[in-house]
Amino acid sequence: MKINDVSKLTGLPISTLRFYERKNLIPDTFVKRDVNNYRIYSEEIVEFLNDVKVLLSVDFSIEELSLLVNQQLNLSYEVKKKIVEQKIKEIEDVQKRLKKSKQFLNAVLEGKANFQTKC
């Protein structure tokens, strides 16, 4: 597939795909060059990029993702595992805060919270 096809299938702008390549976020296994030096993407890149979008949505940074996928860095499995475990902890912390916020808002709605405005 050409970059335009990947853009259409993933909903990512071409500029974003090129940015991901510059940041080493797209492994070389997904991209080859044809005789005219155009990028040719494998079909598997669509699923990979959809996974990237999910990871970005849970606040992985481009740099963190690059560390996980950039094979040239030769990071050990343990280092990558720690990055993922840290992100899971951050998500769990956010979930706890959201749960407390939801409980408070429910208490406000029920008139049980010490809050200036009754709903």
C-alpha atoms as a PDB file:
ATOM      1  CA  MET A   1       0.000   0.000   0.000  1.00  0.00           C
ATOM      2  CA  LYS A   2       1.061   3.564  -0.558  1.00  0.00           C
ATOM      3  CA  ILE A   3       0.947   6.200   2.159  1.00  0.00           C
ATOM      4  CA  ASN A   4      -2.344   7.594   0.845  1.00  0.00           C
ATOM      5  CA  ASP A   5      -3.995   4.174   1.288  1.00  0.00           C
ATOM      6  CA  VAL A   6      -2.683   3.871   4.841  1.00  0.00           C
ATOM      7  CA  SER A   7      -3.954   7.364   5.604  1.00  0.00           C
ATOM      8  CA  LYS A   8      -7.443   6.507   4.364  1.00  0.00           C
ATOM      9  CA  LEU A   9      -7.597   3.180   6.221  1.00  0.00           C
ATOM     10  CA  THR A  10      -6.359   4.574   9.534  1.00  0.00           C
ATOM     11  CA  GLY A  11      -7.813   8.064   9.441  1.00  0.00           C
ATOM     12  CA  LEU A  12      -4.355   9.483  10.101  1.00  0.00           C
ATOM     13  CA  PRO A  13      -3.126  12.367   7.965  1.00  0.00           C
ATOM     14  CA  ILE A  14      -0.133  11.693   5.732  1.00  0.00           C
ATOM     15  CA  SER A  15       1.820  14.295   7.689  1.00  0.00           C
ATOM     16  CA  THR A  16       1.221  12.288  10.878  1.00  0.00           C
ATOM     17  CA  LEU A  17       2.428   9.093   9.247  1.00  0.00           C
ATOM     18  CA  ARG A  18       5.610  10.822   8.124  1.00  0.00           C
ATOM     19  CA  PHE A  19       6.041  12.310  11.600  1.00  0.00           C
ATOM     20  CA  TYR A  20       5.705   8.820  13.109  1.00  0.00           C
ATOM     21  CA  GLU A  21       8.416   7.585  10.753  1.00  0.00           C
ATOM     22  CA  ARG A  22      10.769  10.423  11.707  1.00  0.00           C
ATOM     23  CA  LYS A  23      10.215   9.580  15.377  1.00  0.00           C
ATOM     24  CA  ASN A  24      10.995   5.892  14.704  1.00  0.00           C
ATOM     25  CA  LEU A  25       7.507   4.941  15.741  1.00  0.00           C
ATOM     26  CA  ILE A  26       6.904   2.794  12.668  1.00  0.00           C
ATOM     27  CA  PRO A  27       9.172  -0.258  12.599  1.00  0.00           C
ATOM     28  CA  ASP A  28      11.023  -0.943   9.366  1.00  0.00           C
ATOM     29  CA  THR A  29       9.212  -4.262   9.085  1.00  0.00           C
ATOM     30  CA  PHE A  30       6.103  -2.367   7.981  1.00  0.00           C
ATOM     31  CA  VAL A  31       7.778  -0.180   5.344  1.00  0.00           C
ATOM     32  CA  LYS A  32       9.744  -1.083   2.236  1.00  0.00           C
ATOM     33  CA  ARG A  33      10.834   1.012  -0.729  1.00  0.00           C
ATOM     34  CA  ASP A  34       9.949   0.262  -4.344  1.00  0.00           C
ATOM     35  CA  VAL A  35      12.255   0.781  -7.323  1.00  0.00           C
ATOM     36  CA  ASN A  36      11.306   4.476  -7.436  1.00  0.00           C
ATOM     37  CA  ASN A  37      12.076   4.808  -3.696  1.00  0.00           C
ATOM     38  CA  TYR A  38       8.392   5.262  -2.765  1.00  0.00           C
ATOM     39  CA  ARG A  39       7.281   3.870   0.567  1.00  0.00           C
ATOM     40  CA  ILE A  40       5.297   0.664   0.326  1.00  0.00           C
ATOM     41  CA  TYR A  41       3.476  -0.322   3.508  1.00  0.00           C
ATOM     42  CA  SER A  42       2.482  -3.828   4.490  1.00  0.00           C
ATOM     43  CA  GLU A  43      -1.161  -4.594   5.275  1.00  0.00           C
ATOM     44  CA  GLU A  44      -0.261  -5.177   8.941  1.00  0.00           C
ATOM     45  CA  ILE A  45       0.540  -1.509   9.451  1.00  0.00           C
ATOM     46  CA  VAL A  46      -3.155  -0.655   9.701  1.00  0.00           C
ATOM     47  CA  GLU A  47      -3.634  -2.777  12.820  1.00  0.00           C
ATOM     48  CA  PHE A  48      -0.334  -1.516  14.235  1.00  0.00           C
ATOM     49  CA  LEU A  49      -1.347   2.129  13.750  1.00  0.00           C
ATOM     50  CA  ASN A  50      -4.765   1.482  15.281  1.00  0.00           C
ATOM     51  CA  ASP A  51      -2.928   0.113  18.325  1.00  0.00           C
ATOM     52  CA  VAL A  52      -0.740   3.233  18.360  1.00  0.00           C
ATOM     53  CA  LYS A  53      -3.878   5.403  18.384  1.00  0.00           C
ATOM     54  CA  VAL A  54      -5.199   3.459  21.390  1.00  0.00           C
ATOM     55  CA  LEU A  55      -1.900   3.850  23.246  1.00  0.00           C
ATOM     56  CA  LEU A  56      -1.791   7.567  22.508  1.00  0.00           C
ATOM     57  CA  SER A  57      -5.348   7.871  23.824  1.00  0.00           C
ATOM     58  CA  VAL A  58      -4.192   6.554  27.215  1.00  0.00           C
ATOM     59  CA  ASP A  59      -1.437   9.164  27.367  1.00  0.00           C
ATOM     60  CA  PHE A  60       1.553   7.290  26.049  1.00  0.00           C
ATOM     61  CA  SER A  61       3.849   9.900  24.601  1.00  0.00           C
ATOM     62  CA  ILE A  62       5.399   9.562  21.162  1.00  0.00           C
ATOM     63  CA  GLU A  63       8.756   9.183  22.899  1.00  0.00           C
ATOM     64  CA  GLU A  64       7.493   6.352  25.116  1.00  0.00           C
ATOM     65  CA  LEU A  65       5.997   4.534  22.142  1.00  0.00           C
ATOM     66  CA  SER A  66       9.186   4.998  20.194  1.00  0.00           C
ATOM     67  CA  LEU A  67      11.125   3.376  23.026  1.00  0.00           C
ATOM     68  CA  LEU A  68       8.785   0.401  22.903  1.00  0.00           C
ATOM     69  CA  VAL A  69       8.926  -0.191  19.143  1.00  0.00           C
ATOM     70  CA  ASN A  70      12.321   1.124  18.028  1.00  0.00           C
ATOM     71  CA  GLN A  71      14.364  -2.025  17.544  1.00  0.00           C
ATOM     72  CA  GLN A  72      17.568  -0.064  16.926  1.00  0.00           C
ATOM     73  CA  LEU A  73      17.648   0.988  20.580  1.00  0.00           C
ATOM     74  CA  ASN A  74      17.945  -2.636  21.700  1.00  0.00           C
ATOM     75  CA  LEU A  75      16.042  -2.001  24.927  1.00  0.00           C
ATOM     76  CA  SER A  76      15.560  -5.086  27.008  1.00  0.00           C
ATOM     77  CA  TYR A  77      12.187  -6.647  27.596  1.00  0.00           C
ATOM     78  CA  GLU A  78      12.468  -5.650  31.263  1.00  0.00           C
ATOM     79  CA  VAL A  79      12.903  -1.961  30.411  1.00  0.00           C
ATOM     80  CA  LYS A  80       9.924  -2.056  28.041  1.00  0.00           C
ATOM     81  CA  LYS A  81       7.897  -3.931  30.634  1.00  0.00           C
ATOM     82  CA  LYS A  82       8.604  -1.220  33.224  1.00  0.00           C
ATOM     83  CA  ILE A  83       7.397   1.468  30.816  1.00  0.00           C
ATOM     84  CA  VAL A  84       4.124  -0.382  30.302  1.00  0.00           C
ATOM     85  CA  GLU A  85       3.703  -1.165  34.011  1.00  0.00           C
ATOM     86  CA  GLN A  86       4.218   2.514  34.856  1.00  0.00           C
ATOM     87  CA  LYS A  87       1.535   3.498  32.361  1.00  0.00           C
ATOM     88  CA  ILE A  88      -0.869   0.928  33.864  1.00  0.00           C
ATOM     89  CA  LYS A  89      -0.233   2.444  37.302  1.00  0.00           C
ATOM     90  CA  GLU A  90      -0.928   5.932  35.951  1.00  0.00           C
ATOM     91  CA  ILE A  91      -4.205   4.711  34.403  1.00  0.00           C
ATOM     92  CA  GLU A  92      -5.224   3.070  37.694  1.00  0.00           C
ATOM     93  CA  ASP A  93      -4.490   6.323  39.549  1.00  0.00           C
ATOM     94  CA  VAL A  94      -6.687   8.244  37.093  1.00  0.00           C
ATOM     95  CA  GLN A  95      -9.440   5.644  37.510  1.00  0.00           C
ATOM     96  CA  LYS A  96      -9.343   6.077  41.301  1.00  0.00           C
ATOM     97  CA  ARG A  97      -9.595   9.858  40.986  1.00  0.00           C
ATOM     98  CA  LEU A  98     -12.477   9.550  38.536  1.00  0.00           C
ATOM     99  CA  LYS A  99     -14.297   7.123  40.838  1.00  0.00           C
ATOM    100  CA  LYS A 100     -13.995   9.588  43.739  1.00  0.00           C
ATOM    101  CA  SER A 101     -15.185  12.427  41.529  1.00  0.00           C
ATOM    102  CA  LYS A 102     -18.159  10.381  40.378  1.00  0.00           C
ATOM    103  CA  GLN A 103     -19.072   9.510  43.973  1.00  0.00           C
ATOM    104  CA  PHE A 104     -18.881  13.163  44.960  1.00  0.00           C
ATOM    105  CA  LEU A 105     -21.048  14.260  42.037  1.00  0.00           C
ATOM    106  CA  ASN A 106     -23.632  11.601  42.868  1.00  0.00           C
ATOM    107  CA  ALA A 107     -23.654  12.889  46.449  1.00  0.00           C
ATOM    108  CA  VAL A 108     -24.210  16.420  45.118  1.00  0.00           C
ATOM    109  CA  LEU A 109     -27.143  15.204  43.029  1.00  0.00           C
ATOM    110  CA  GLU A 110     -28.624  13.463  46.068  1.00  0.00           C
ATOM    111  CA  GLY A 111     -28.163  16.551  48.238  1.00  0.00           C
ATOM    112  CA  LYS A 112     -25.792  14.683  50.537  1.00  0.00           C
ATOM    113  CA  ALA A 113     -22.642  16.673  49.804  1.00  0.00           C
ATOM    114  CA  ASN A 114     -21.503  19.801  51.593  1.00  0.00           C
ATOM    115  CA  PHE A 115     -21.694  21.893  48.500  1.00  0.00           C
ATOM    116  CA  GLN A 116     -23.009  25.425  48.068  1.00  0.00           C
ATOM    117  CA  THR A 117     -25.433  24.694  45.274  1.00  0.00           C
ATOM    118  CA  LYS A 118     -28.116  22.050  45.504  1.00  0.00           C
ATOM    119  CA  CYS A 119     -29.120  20.366  42.291  1.00  0.00           C
END
